Amino acid sequence: MSMTLYGSLPSPYVRRIRMLLEGVDYHFEPVELYQDDTRAAFAQVSPIRKLPVLVDGEQTVLDSHVICDYVRRKQGLDPLSIDELNLVSAVDAVNDSLIVVFMGQRSGLEVSSDLLMFKLQLERIPDSLAWLNEQAKKGAFKDWGMATISLISLLDWSEFRNLYDFSAYPALLAARDAHRGRAIVGETFPQ
């Protein structure tokens, strides 16, 4: 039995797994979390109702970080280094904050620094991006790996959703653009 990856096409967390699975035989099952019936059906697959989910035979793997570790083990790859995990965590901090902002906007809330929930996100984003930009200047995203895949997924998703202007972080944009020619990057672009 082949693997099935459940996820949404625009999700940066799903996209990073799709890129990681490049060359692996798997089925992609799109999930529309904004539709009540689809969300109810997905709850039968994932008790945490969070995308992505990978089902490999009898094994269900929840969350992109656990899926990454699972897939890397299956491929016989070493675990991620602490440095790469730190880069992924910083990318995730921005991703998570932008998701909160996006969900706030989609819920019709006023996204402003006057509300603590949004204030914390709006403070975290530029601080994390500034650190990531410095890491990019040092070549942190030069090689194709999970940190680079995560960065590409973040930037493309954020731009797809018109959530953030990254022009103040040219090293991040250059790091992403250096990998634009990879087929898997184009094949998984948010839609």
N, C-alpha and C. Protein backbone atom coordinates (compact mmCIF):
# COMPACT_ATOMS: atom_id res chain seq x y z
N MET A 1 0.85 -1.18 0.00
CA MET A 1 0.00 0.00 0.00
C MET A 1 0.89 1.24 0.00
N SER A 2 0.55 2.21 -0.83
CA SER A 2 1.35 3.43 -0.88
C SER A 2 0.90 4.40 0.21
N MET A 3 1.69 5.42 0.39
CA MET A 3 1.39 6.44 1.38
C MET A 3 0.34 7.40 0.86
N THR A 4 -0.43 7.96 1.80
CA THR A 4 -1.38 9.02 1.48
C THR A 4 -1.05 10.22 2.34
N LEU A 5 -0.91 11.36 1.69
CA LEU A 5 -0.68 12.61 2.38
C LEU A 5 -1.95 13.43 2.30
N TYR A 6 -2.51 13.77 3.47
CA TYR A 6 -3.69 14.61 3.54
C TYR A 6 -3.24 16.05 3.76
N GLY A 7 -3.81 16.96 2.98
CA GLY A 7 -3.42 18.35 3.17
C GLY A 7 -4.17 19.28 2.24
N SER A 8 -3.92 20.57 2.41
CA SER A 8 -4.50 21.57 1.52
C SER A 8 -3.40 22.06 0.58
N LEU A 9 -3.80 22.40 -0.62
CA LEU A 9 -2.81 22.82 -1.62
C LEU A 9 -2.05 24.09 -1.24
N PRO A 10 -2.67 25.09 -0.63
CA PRO A 10 -1.89 26.29 -0.31
C PRO A 10 -1.02 26.16 0.95
N SER A 11 -1.31 25.24 1.84
CA SER A 11 -0.65 25.17 3.15
C SER A 11 0.87 25.07 3.03
N PRO A 12 1.60 25.96 3.72
CA PRO A 12 3.07 25.86 3.69
C PRO A 12 3.58 24.61 4.41
N TYR A 13 2.86 24.14 5.41
CA TYR A 13 3.28 22.94 6.13
C TYR A 13 3.07 21.69 5.28
N VAL A 14 2.00 21.67 4.52
CA VAL A 14 1.74 20.55 3.61
C VAL A 14 2.73 20.59 2.46
N ARG A 15 2.96 21.77 1.93
CA ARG A 15 3.85 21.89 0.77
C ARG A 15 5.26 21.40 1.10
N ARG A 16 5.73 21.70 2.30
CA ARG A 16 7.09 21.25 2.62
C ARG A 16 7.19 19.73 2.61
N ILE A 17 6.13 19.04 3.01
CA ILE A 17 6.14 17.58 2.97
C ILE A 17 6.03 17.10 1.53
N ARG A 18 5.23 17.77 0.73
CA ARG A 18 5.14 17.40 -0.68
C ARG A 18 6.50 17.52 -1.35
N MET A 19 7.26 18.57 -1.02
CA MET A 19 8.60 18.72 -1.59
C MET A 19 9.55 17.67 -1.04
N LEU A 20 9.42 17.35 0.24
CA LEU A 20 10.26 16.32 0.85
C LEU A 20 10.00 14.96 0.21
N LEU A 21 8.77 14.72 -0.20
CA LEU A 21 8.39 13.43 -0.80
C LEU A 21 8.70 13.36 -2.30
N GLU A 22 9.46 14.32 -2.81
CA GLU A 22 9.83 14.30 -4.22
C GLU A 22 10.43 12.95 -4.58
N GLY A 23 9.89 12.31 -5.61
CA GLY A 23 10.38 11.02 -6.08
C GLY A 23 9.81 9.83 -5.35
N VAL A 24 8.99 10.06 -4.32
CA VAL A 24 8.38 8.97 -3.55
C VAL A 24 6.97 8.75 -4.09
N ASP A 25 6.57 7.48 -4.19
CA ASP A 25 5.22 7.15 -4.64
C ASP A 25 4.24 7.36 -3.49
N TYR A 26 3.37 8.35 -3.64
CA TYR A 26 2.35 8.59 -2.63
C TYR A 26 1.13 9.21 -3.29
N HIS A 27 0.01 9.14 -2.59
CA HIS A 27 -1.23 9.75 -3.06
C HIS A 27 -1.48 11.01 -2.25
N PHE A 28 -1.84 12.09 -2.92
CA PHE A 28 -2.17 13.33 -2.23
C PHE A 28 -3.69 13.43 -2.15
N GLU A 29 -4.19 13.58 -0.94
CA GLU A 29 -5.63 13.71 -0.70
C GLU A 29 -5.92 15.13 -0.21
N PRO A 30 -6.49 15.98 -1.10
CA PRO A 30 -6.77 17.36 -0.68
C PRO A 30 -7.88 17.42 0.38
N VAL A 31 -7.69 18.30 1.34
CA VAL A 31 -8.66 18.50 2.41
C VAL A 31 -9.02 19.98 2.44
N GLU A 32 -10.29 20.28 2.38
CA GLU A 32 -10.78 21.66 2.47
C GLU A 32 -11.28 21.89 3.90
N LEU A 33 -10.44 22.45 4.75
CA LEU A 33 -10.80 22.63 6.16
C LEU A 33 -11.85 23.70 6.38
N TYR A 34 -12.12 24.51 5.38
CA TYR A 34 -13.12 25.56 5.54
C TYR A 34 -14.53 25.08 5.22
N GLN A 35 -14.67 23.81 4.82
CA GLN A 35 -15.98 23.22 4.54
C GLN A 35 -16.33 22.26 5.67
N ASP A 36 -17.52 22.43 6.24
CA ASP A 36 -17.92 21.63 7.40
C ASP A 36 -17.89 20.13 7.14
N ASP A 37 -18.41 19.67 6.00
CA ASP A 37 -18.47 18.23 5.74
C ASP A 37 -17.07 17.63 5.56
N THR A 38 -16.20 18.35 4.86
CA THR A 38 -14.83 17.87 4.65
C THR A 38 -14.07 17.84 5.98
N ARG A 39 -14.28 18.85 6.78
CA ARG A 39 -13.61 18.93 8.09
C ARG A 39 -14.06 17.77 8.98
N ALA A 40 -15.34 17.43 8.94
CA ALA A 40 -15.85 16.32 9.74
C ALA A 40 -15.26 14.99 9.27
N ALA A 41 -15.15 14.81 7.97
CA ALA A 41 -14.54 13.58 7.44
C ALA A 41 -13.07 13.50 7.81
N PHE A 42 -12.37 14.62 7.75
CA PHE A 42 -10.95 14.64 8.09
C PHE A 42 -10.73 14.31 9.57
N ALA A 43 -11.67 14.66 10.42
CA ALA A 43 -11.55 14.35 11.86
C ALA A 43 -11.44 12.84 12.10
N GLN A 44 -11.94 12.04 11.16
CA GLN A 44 -11.82 10.59 11.27
C GLN A 44 -10.39 10.13 10.98
N VAL A 45 -9.64 10.94 10.25
CA VAL A 45 -8.25 10.62 9.91
C VAL A 45 -7.30 11.14 10.99
N SER A 46 -7.56 12.36 11.48
CA SER A 46 -6.66 12.99 12.43
C SER A 46 -7.40 13.46 13.68
N PRO A 47 -7.03 12.91 14.83
CA PRO A 47 -7.69 13.34 16.06
C PRO A 47 -7.36 14.79 16.43
N ILE A 48 -6.28 15.35 15.88
CA ILE A 48 -5.91 16.73 16.21
C ILE A 48 -6.41 17.72 15.16
N ARG A 49 -7.00 17.20 14.07
CA ARG A 49 -7.58 18.04 13.01
C ARG A 49 -6.59 19.07 12.47
N LYS A 50 -5.37 18.66 12.31
CA LYS A 50 -4.31 19.56 11.85
C LYS A 50 -3.66 18.94 10.63
N LEU A 51 -3.39 19.78 9.63
CA LEU A 51 -2.73 19.33 8.42
C LEU A 51 -1.25 19.64 8.49
N PRO A 52 -0.42 18.82 7.88
CA PRO A 52 -0.70 17.60 7.12
C PRO A 52 -0.78 16.37 8.01
N VAL A 53 -1.27 15.29 7.40
CA VAL A 53 -1.27 13.96 8.01
C VAL A 53 -0.78 12.99 6.94
N LEU A 54 0.10 12.09 7.33
CA LEU A 54 0.60 11.06 6.42
C LEU A 54 0.11 9.71 6.93
N VAL A 55 -0.49 8.94 6.04
CA VAL A 55 -0.89 7.57 6.38
C VAL A 55 -0.06 6.64 5.51
N ASP A 56 0.71 5.79 6.16
CA ASP A 56 1.59 4.84 5.49
C ASP A 56 1.20 3.45 5.97
N GLY A 57 0.35 2.77 5.22
CA GLY A 57 -0.16 1.48 5.66
C GLY A 57 -0.99 1.65 6.92
N GLU A 58 -0.57 1.00 7.98
CA GLU A 58 -1.27 1.08 9.27
C GLU A 58 -0.77 2.25 10.13
N GLN A 59 0.28 2.90 9.68
CA GLN A 59 0.89 3.98 10.47
C GLN A 59 0.34 5.34 10.07
N THR A 60 -0.21 6.06 11.03
CA THR A 60 -0.65 7.44 10.81
C THR A 60 0.35 8.35 11.50
N VAL A 61 0.81 9.37 10.77
CA VAL A 61 1.83 10.27 11.29
C VAL A 61 1.25 11.69 11.26
N LEU A 62 1.22 12.33 12.43
CA LEU A 62 0.62 13.64 12.59
C LEU A 62 1.68 14.72 12.65
N ASP A 63 1.41 15.87 12.06
CA ASP A 63 2.23 17.07 12.13
C ASP A 63 3.44 17.01 11.19
N SER A 64 3.74 18.13 10.58
CA SER A 64 4.79 18.18 9.58
C SER A 64 6.17 17.81 10.13
N HIS A 65 6.46 18.17 11.38
CA HIS A 65 7.78 17.84 11.94
C HIS A 65 7.93 16.34 12.14
N VAL A 66 6.90 15.70 12.61
CA VAL A 66 6.95 14.26 12.83
C VAL A 66 6.97 13.54 11.49
N ILE A 67 6.20 14.04 10.53
CA ILE A 67 6.21 13.45 9.19
C ILE A 67 7.59 13.58 8.57
N CYS A 68 8.22 14.73 8.72
CA CYS A 68 9.57 14.94 8.19
C CYS A 68 10.53 13.90 8.77
N ASP A 69 10.50 13.74 10.08
CA ASP A 69 11.37 12.77 10.73
C ASP A 69 11.07 11.35 10.24
N TYR A 70 9.81 11.01 10.12
CA TYR A 70 9.38 9.69 9.66
C TYR A 70 9.88 9.42 8.24
N VAL A 71 9.66 10.39 7.35
CA VAL A 71 10.07 10.22 5.95
C VAL A 71 11.59 10.12 5.85
N ARG A 72 12.30 10.96 6.57
CA ARG A 72 13.76 10.91 6.54
C ARG A 72 14.28 9.56 7.02
N ARG A 73 13.68 9.02 8.06
CA ARG A 73 14.08 7.69 8.55
C ARG A 73 13.82 6.63 7.48
N LYS A 74 12.66 6.70 6.85
CA LYS A 74 12.33 5.72 5.80
C LYS A 74 13.32 5.82 4.64
N GLN A 75 13.81 7.03 4.38
CA GLN A 75 14.75 7.24 3.28
C GLN A 75 16.20 6.96 3.70
N GLY A 76 16.40 6.60 4.97
CA GLY A 76 17.74 6.31 5.46
C GLY A 76 18.60 7.54 5.66
N LEU A 77 17.96 8.70 5.82
CA LEU A 77 18.70 9.95 6.00
C LEU A 77 18.95 10.23 7.47
N ASP A 78 20.00 10.99 7.74
CA ASP A 78 20.31 11.39 9.11
C ASP A 78 19.23 12.34 9.62
N PRO A 79 19.06 12.40 10.94
CA PRO A 79 18.14 13.40 11.49
C PRO A 79 18.68 14.80 11.19
N LEU A 80 17.80 15.78 11.24
CA LEU A 80 18.22 17.16 11.02
C LEU A 80 19.16 17.61 12.14
N SER A 81 20.12 18.45 11.79
CA SER A 81 21.04 19.00 12.78
C SER A 81 20.31 20.04 13.63
N ILE A 82 20.88 20.36 14.78
CA ILE A 82 20.30 21.39 15.64
C ILE A 82 20.23 22.72 14.90
N ASP A 83 21.26 23.06 14.12
CA ASP A 83 21.24 24.30 13.37
C ASP A 83 20.09 24.34 12.37
N GLU A 84 19.87 23.22 11.68
CA GLU A 84 18.77 23.19 10.71
C GLU A 84 17.42 23.21 11.42
N LEU A 85 17.33 22.51 12.54
CA LEU A 85 16.09 22.53 13.32
C LEU A 85 15.79 23.94 13.83
N ASN A 86 16.83 24.67 14.22
CA ASN A 86 16.63 26.06 14.65
C ASN A 86 16.11 26.93 13.51
N LEU A 87 16.66 26.73 12.32
CA LEU A 87 16.17 27.49 11.16
C LEU A 87 14.71 27.16 10.88
N VAL A 88 14.37 25.88 10.91
CA VAL A 88 12.98 25.47 10.67
C VAL A 88 12.07 26.05 11.74
N SER A 89 12.53 26.05 12.99
CA SER A 89 11.71 26.61 14.08
C SER A 89 11.47 28.10 13.89
N ALA A 90 12.48 28.82 13.42
CA ALA A 90 12.31 30.25 13.18
C ALA A 90 11.34 30.49 12.01
N VAL A 91 11.46 29.69 10.97
CA VAL A 91 10.50 29.78 9.86
C VAL A 91 9.10 29.48 10.37
N ASP A 92 8.98 28.47 11.22
CA ASP A 92 7.67 28.10 11.77
C ASP A 92 7.09 29.21 12.64
N ALA A 93 7.93 29.93 13.35
CA ALA A 93 7.44 31.05 14.17
C ALA A 93 6.76 32.08 13.28
N VAL A 94 7.37 32.37 12.14
CA VAL A 94 6.77 33.32 11.20
C VAL A 94 5.51 32.72 10.59
N ASN A 95 5.61 31.46 10.17
CA ASN A 95 4.43 30.78 9.59
C ASN A 95 3.25 30.83 10.55
N ASP A 96 3.50 30.40 11.78
CA ASP A 96 2.42 30.34 12.77
C ASP A 96 1.82 31.72 13.03
N SER A 97 2.67 32.72 13.13
CA SER A 97 2.17 34.08 13.36
C SER A 97 1.34 34.57 12.18
N LEU A 98 1.81 34.31 10.98
CA LEU A 98 1.06 34.73 9.80
C LEU A 98 -0.26 33.97 9.67
N ILE A 99 -0.28 32.71 10.10
CA ILE A 99 -1.53 31.95 10.09
C ILE A 99 -2.53 32.57 11.06
N VAL A 100 -2.07 32.98 12.24
CA VAL A 100 -2.96 33.65 13.20
C VAL A 100 -3.51 34.93 12.58
N VAL A 101 -2.66 35.71 11.94
CA VAL A 101 -3.09 36.94 11.29
C VAL A 101 -4.10 36.62 10.18
N PHE A 102 -3.78 35.63 9.36
CA PHE A 102 -4.65 35.23 8.25
C PHE A 102 -6.01 34.77 8.77
N MET A 103 -6.01 33.93 9.80
CA MET A 103 -7.28 33.44 10.36
C MET A 103 -8.06 34.59 10.99
N GLY A 104 -7.37 35.54 11.59
CA GLY A 104 -8.04 36.71 12.14
C GLY A 104 -8.72 37.51 11.04
N GLN A 105 -7.99 37.73 9.94
CA GLN A 105 -8.57 38.46 8.81
C GLN A 105 -9.76 37.71 8.24
N ARG A 106 -9.59 36.41 8.07
CA ARG A 106 -10.66 35.59 7.50
C ARG A 106 -11.88 35.53 8.39
N SER A 107 -11.68 35.72 9.68
CA SER A 107 -12.78 35.71 10.64
C SER A 107 -13.42 37.08 10.80
N GLY A 108 -12.92 38.05 10.05
CA GLY A 108 -13.49 39.39 10.11
C GLY A 108 -13.03 40.21 11.30
N LEU A 109 -11.92 39.80 11.92
CA LEU A 109 -11.39 40.54 13.06
C LEU A 109 -10.47 41.66 12.57
N GLU A 110 -10.38 42.69 13.37
CA GLU A 110 -9.44 43.76 13.05
C GLU A 110 -8.06 43.32 13.54
N VAL A 111 -7.17 43.12 12.62
CA VAL A 111 -5.82 42.68 12.95
C VAL A 111 -4.99 43.92 13.24
N SER A 112 -4.76 44.19 14.52
CA SER A 112 -3.98 45.36 14.88
C SER A 112 -3.15 45.06 16.12
N SER A 113 -2.16 45.90 16.33
CA SER A 113 -1.30 45.71 17.50
C SER A 113 -1.99 46.15 18.79
N ASP A 114 -3.23 46.63 18.68
CA ASP A 114 -4.00 46.98 19.88
C ASP A 114 -4.52 45.74 20.60
N LEU A 115 -4.65 44.63 19.86
CA LEU A 115 -5.13 43.38 20.45
C LEU A 115 -3.93 42.49 20.76
N LEU A 116 -3.83 42.03 21.99
CA LEU A 116 -2.66 41.27 22.43
C LEU A 116 -2.36 40.08 21.52
N MET A 117 -3.40 39.33 21.14
CA MET A 117 -3.18 38.16 20.29
C MET A 117 -2.43 38.53 19.02
N PHE A 118 -2.81 39.63 18.40
CA PHE A 118 -2.16 40.05 17.16
C PHE A 118 -0.88 40.82 17.43
N LYS A 119 -0.84 41.55 18.53
CA LYS A 119 0.38 42.30 18.88
C LYS A 119 1.57 41.35 18.99
N LEU A 120 1.37 40.22 19.67
CA LEU A 120 2.46 39.26 19.83
C LEU A 120 2.93 38.70 18.49
N GLN A 121 1.99 38.44 17.60
CA GLN A 121 2.35 37.91 16.28
C GLN A 121 3.09 38.96 15.46
N LEU A 122 2.56 40.18 15.48
CA LEU A 122 3.14 41.26 14.68
C LEU A 122 4.52 41.67 15.18
N GLU A 123 4.83 41.41 16.44
CA GLU A 123 6.19 41.65 16.96
C GLU A 123 7.13 40.51 16.58
N ARG A 124 6.62 39.29 16.63
CA ARG A 124 7.45 38.11 16.36
C ARG A 124 7.91 38.05 14.91
N ILE A 125 7.05 38.43 13.99
CA ILE A 125 7.35 38.26 12.56
C ILE A 125 8.62 38.99 12.14
N PRO A 126 8.74 40.31 12.34
CA PRO A 126 9.96 40.99 11.86
C PRO A 126 11.22 40.56 12.60
N ASP A 127 11.10 40.26 13.89
CA ASP A 127 12.28 39.80 14.64
C ASP A 127 12.79 38.47 14.09
N SER A 128 11.87 37.56 13.84
CA SER A 128 12.25 36.25 13.30
C SER A 128 12.81 36.38 11.89
N LEU A 129 12.16 37.21 11.08
CA LEU A 129 12.64 37.40 9.70
C LEU A 129 14.02 38.06 9.66
N ALA A 130 14.26 38.99 10.56
CA ALA A 130 15.58 39.63 10.60
C ALA A 130 16.66 38.61 10.92
N TRP A 131 16.39 37.73 11.88
CA TRP A 131 17.36 36.69 12.23
C TRP A 131 17.57 35.73 11.06
N LEU A 132 16.47 35.32 10.44
CA LEU A 132 16.56 34.42 9.29
C LEU A 132 17.32 35.07 8.14
N ASN A 133 17.10 36.36 7.93
CA ASN A 133 17.80 37.07 6.87
C ASN A 133 19.32 37.07 7.11
N GLU A 134 19.71 37.26 8.38
CA GLU A 134 21.14 37.19 8.73
C GLU A 134 21.70 35.79 8.47
N GLN A 135 20.93 34.78 8.79
CA GLN A 135 21.36 33.40 8.54
C GLN A 135 21.50 33.16 7.04
N ALA A 136 20.56 33.71 6.27
CA ALA A 136 20.63 33.56 4.81
C ALA A 136 21.89 34.21 4.25
N LYS A 137 22.27 35.37 4.80
CA LYS A 137 23.50 36.04 4.36
C LYS A 137 24.72 35.16 4.60
N LYS A 138 24.65 34.31 5.62
CA LYS A 138 25.76 33.41 5.94
C LYS A 138 25.67 32.09 5.16
N GLY A 139 24.67 31.96 4.28
CA GLY A 139 24.56 30.77 3.44
C GLY A 139 23.70 29.66 4.00
N ALA A 140 22.90 29.95 5.00
CA ALA A 140 22.11 28.91 5.67
C ALA A 140 21.13 28.19 4.75
N PHE A 141 20.66 28.85 3.69
CA PHE A 141 19.66 28.25 2.81
C PHE A 141 20.23 27.93 1.43
N LYS A 142 21.55 27.83 1.36
CA LYS A 142 22.22 27.56 0.09
C LYS A 142 21.91 26.15 -0.40
N ASP A 143 21.95 25.18 0.51
CA ASP A 143 21.72 23.79 0.14
C ASP A 143 20.24 23.45 0.21
N TRP A 144 19.86 22.46 -0.59
CA TRP A 144 18.48 21.96 -0.58
C TRP A 144 18.31 21.05 0.63
N GLY A 145 17.48 21.46 1.55
CA GLY A 145 17.21 20.68 2.75
C GLY A 145 15.93 21.19 3.39
N MET A 146 15.61 20.67 4.56
CA MET A 146 14.34 21.01 5.19
C MET A 146 14.22 22.49 5.52
N ALA A 147 15.29 23.13 5.94
CA ALA A 147 15.23 24.56 6.23
C ALA A 147 14.91 25.36 4.97
N THR A 148 15.57 25.02 3.88
CA THR A 148 15.33 25.71 2.62
C THR A 148 13.92 25.46 2.11
N ILE A 149 13.49 24.21 2.17
CA ILE A 149 12.13 23.84 1.76
C ILE A 149 11.11 24.61 2.59
N SER A 150 11.34 24.71 3.89
CA SER A 150 10.41 25.43 4.78
C SER A 150 10.38 26.92 4.46
N LEU A 151 11.54 27.50 4.20
CA LEU A 151 11.61 28.92 3.84
C LEU A 151 10.84 29.19 2.55
N ILE A 152 11.08 28.39 1.54
CA ILE A 152 10.38 28.57 0.26
C ILE A 152 8.87 28.47 0.46
N SER A 153 8.45 27.49 1.24
CA SER A 153 7.02 27.31 1.50
C SER A 153 6.42 28.52 2.20
N LEU A 154 7.14 29.05 3.19
CA LEU A 154 6.68 30.23 3.91
C LEU A 154 6.53 31.44 2.98
N LEU A 155 7.59 31.76 2.26
CA LEU A 155 7.58 32.96 1.43
C LEU A 155 6.52 32.89 0.34
N ASP A 156 6.45 31.75 -0.34
CA ASP A 156 5.49 31.62 -1.43
C ASP A 156 4.06 31.66 -0.91
N TRP A 157 3.78 30.99 0.22
CA TRP A 157 2.43 31.01 0.78
C TRP A 157 2.04 32.41 1.23
N SER A 158 2.96 33.09 1.91
CA SER A 158 2.67 34.45 2.40
C SER A 158 2.38 35.40 1.25
N GLU A 159 3.16 35.28 0.19
CA GLU A 159 2.92 36.13 -0.98
C GLU A 159 1.64 35.73 -1.70
N PHE A 160 1.37 34.44 -1.78
CA PHE A 160 0.12 33.94 -2.39
C PHE A 160 -1.10 34.51 -1.66
N ARG A 161 -1.01 34.62 -0.34
CA ARG A 161 -2.11 35.14 0.48
C ARG A 161 -2.03 36.65 0.70
N ASN A 162 -1.01 37.30 0.11
CA ASN A 162 -0.81 38.75 0.27
C ASN A 162 -0.75 39.15 1.75
N LEU A 163 0.04 38.42 2.52
CA LEU A 163 0.09 38.63 3.96
C LEU A 163 1.26 39.49 4.42
N TYR A 164 2.34 39.53 3.63
CA TYR A 164 3.53 40.21 4.15
C TYR A 164 4.41 40.67 3.00
N ASP A 165 5.05 41.80 3.19
CA ASP A 165 6.00 42.33 2.23
C ASP A 165 7.41 41.97 2.73
N PHE A 166 8.09 41.12 1.98
CA PHE A 166 9.40 40.64 2.39
C PHE A 166 10.55 41.45 1.79
N SER A 167 10.26 42.59 1.20
CA SER A 167 11.32 43.35 0.52
C SER A 167 12.43 43.81 1.46
N ALA A 168 12.17 43.90 2.75
CA ALA A 168 13.21 44.30 3.71
C ALA A 168 14.16 43.15 4.04
N TYR A 169 13.92 41.98 3.44
CA TYR A 169 14.72 40.79 3.73
C TYR A 169 15.25 40.19 2.42
N PRO A 170 16.12 40.94 1.73
CA PRO A 170 16.56 40.50 0.41
C PRO A 170 17.34 39.19 0.40
N ALA A 171 18.04 38.88 1.47
CA ALA A 171 18.79 37.62 1.49
C ALA A 171 17.84 36.42 1.52
N LEU A 172 16.69 36.58 2.17
CA LEU A 172 15.69 35.50 2.17
C LEU A 172 15.09 35.31 0.79
N LEU A 173 14.78 36.42 0.14
CA LEU A 173 14.22 36.33 -1.20
C LEU A 173 15.23 35.73 -2.18
N ALA A 174 16.48 36.10 -2.04
CA ALA A 174 17.53 35.55 -2.91
C ALA A 174 17.72 34.06 -2.65
N ALA A 175 17.63 33.65 -1.39
CA ALA A 175 17.76 32.23 -1.06
C ALA A 175 16.63 31.43 -1.70
N ARG A 176 15.41 31.97 -1.61
CA ARG A 176 14.29 31.29 -2.25
C ARG A 176 14.48 31.24 -3.76
N ASP A 177 14.82 32.38 -4.34
CA ASP A 177 14.93 32.47 -5.79
C ASP A 177 16.02 31.57 -6.36
N ALA A 178 17.04 31.27 -5.57
CA ALA A 178 18.13 30.39 -6.01
C ALA A 178 17.63 28.97 -6.29
N HIS A 179 16.47 28.62 -5.74
CA HIS A 179 15.93 27.26 -5.90
C HIS A 179 14.68 27.23 -6.77
N ARG A 180 14.31 28.36 -7.36
CA ARG A 180 13.09 28.45 -8.18
C ARG A 180 13.10 27.48 -9.35
N GLY A 181 14.27 27.13 -9.86
CA GLY A 181 14.35 26.27 -11.03
C GLY A 181 14.05 24.80 -10.76
N ARG A 182 13.96 24.40 -9.52
CA ARG A 182 13.66 23.00 -9.20
C ARG A 182 12.22 22.69 -9.59
N ALA A 183 12.05 21.60 -10.28
CA ALA A 183 10.71 21.21 -10.75
C ALA A 183 9.72 21.10 -9.60
N ILE A 184 10.13 20.51 -8.48
CA ILE A 184 9.22 20.29 -7.36
C ILE A 184 8.73 21.61 -6.77
N VAL A 185 9.52 22.65 -6.87
CA VAL A 185 9.11 23.97 -6.37
C VAL A 185 7.93 24.48 -7.20
N GLY A 186 8.04 24.37 -8.51
CA GLY A 186 6.95 24.79 -9.37
C GLY A 186 5.72 23.89 -9.27
N GLU A 187 5.96 22.58 -9.16
CA GLU A 187 4.84 21.62 -9.10
C GLU A 187 4.00 21.77 -7.84
N THR A 188 4.59 22.29 -6.78
CA THR A 188 3.88 22.38 -5.50
C THR A 188 3.48 23.82 -5.15
N PHE A 189 3.66 24.74 -6.10
CA PHE A 189 3.36 26.15 -5.81
C PHE A 189 1.93 26.29 -5.29
N PRO A 190 1.69 27.15 -4.30
CA PRO A 190 0.35 27.30 -3.73
C PRO A 190 -0.69 27.66 -4.77
N GLN A 191 -1.87 27.06 -4.60
CA GLN A 191 -2.98 27.35 -5.51
C GLN A 191 -4.29 27.29 -4.76
